[in-house]
Amino acid sequence: MDREEMLQRIAQARALLREVIDSTDLPMIERTLKVADMNLHWAEWNLGVPVTLMPEME
């Protein structure tokens, strides 16, 4: 898998996470998924994508 494919899959994963985060009313699930999103955010950063310092600000 090349860099562009990785970035595309990470973006898809983040979009799926946001859907669940937005629809859950369970605080522990929301927090756990936000941590997963933050890790994917930093994966994008490590792959050279210009991202904000806080994923919530995107």
Protein backbone atom coordinates (compact mmCIF):
# COMPACT_ATOMS: atom_id res chain seq x y z
CA MET A 1 0.00 0.00 0.00
CA ASP A 2 1.44 3.35 -0.96
CA ARG A 3 1.29 6.60 1.03
CA GLU A 4 -1.75 7.97 -0.82
CA GLU A 5 -3.73 4.77 -0.22
CA MET A 6 -2.81 4.90 3.47
CA LEU A 7 -3.96 8.50 3.73
CA GLN A 8 -7.21 7.70 1.96
CA ARG A 9 -7.96 4.80 4.31
CA ILE A 10 -7.08 6.85 7.37
CA ALA A 11 -9.45 9.59 6.18
CA GLN A 12 -12.20 7.00 5.68
CA ALA A 13 -11.61 5.57 9.14
CA ARG A 14 -11.78 9.04 10.68
CA ALA A 15 -15.04 9.76 8.86
CA LEU A 16 -16.56 6.53 10.19
CA LEU A 17 -15.39 7.36 13.71
CA ARG A 18 -16.96 10.83 13.50
CA GLU A 19 -20.30 9.29 12.52
CA VAL A 20 -20.30 7.10 15.61
CA ILE A 21 -18.98 9.86 17.88
CA ASP A 22 -21.77 12.16 16.71
CA SER A 23 -24.47 9.55 17.23
CA THR A 24 -23.50 8.03 20.58
CA ASP A 25 -24.86 9.14 23.92
CA LEU A 26 -22.40 7.02 25.87
CA PRO A 27 -19.57 9.20 27.23
CA MET A 28 -17.04 6.35 27.55
CA ILE A 29 -17.62 5.25 23.95
CA GLU A 30 -17.35 8.85 22.74
CA ARG A 31 -14.08 9.41 24.62
CA THR A 32 -12.58 6.11 23.44
CA LEU A 33 -13.41 6.90 19.81
CA LYS A 34 -12.01 10.43 20.15
CA VAL A 35 -8.71 8.93 21.32
CA ALA A 36 -8.75 6.63 18.27
CA ASP A 37 -9.42 9.66 16.06
CA MET A 38 -6.54 11.53 17.67
CA ASN A 39 -4.20 8.62 16.94
CA LEU A 40 -5.31 8.59 13.30
CA HIS A 41 -4.83 12.36 13.21
CA TRP A 42 -1.22 11.92 14.35
CA ALA A 43 -0.73 9.14 11.81
CA GLU A 44 -1.70 11.65 9.11
CA TRP A 45 0.74 14.14 10.61
CA ASN A 46 3.53 11.55 10.60
CA LEU A 47 2.79 10.88 6.93
CA GLY A 48 3.34 14.56 6.16
CA VAL A 49 -0.22 15.86 6.00
CA PRO A 50 -0.51 19.45 7.25
CA VAL A 51 -2.95 19.10 10.15
CA THR A 52 -3.97 21.29 13.07
CA LEU A 53 -2.52 20.61 16.49
CA MET A 54 -5.92 19.49 17.76
CA PRO A 55 -8.07 17.11 15.71
CA GLU A 56 -11.25 18.67 17.16
CA MET A 57 -10.42 21.88 15.31
CA GLU A 58 -10.65 20.27 11.86
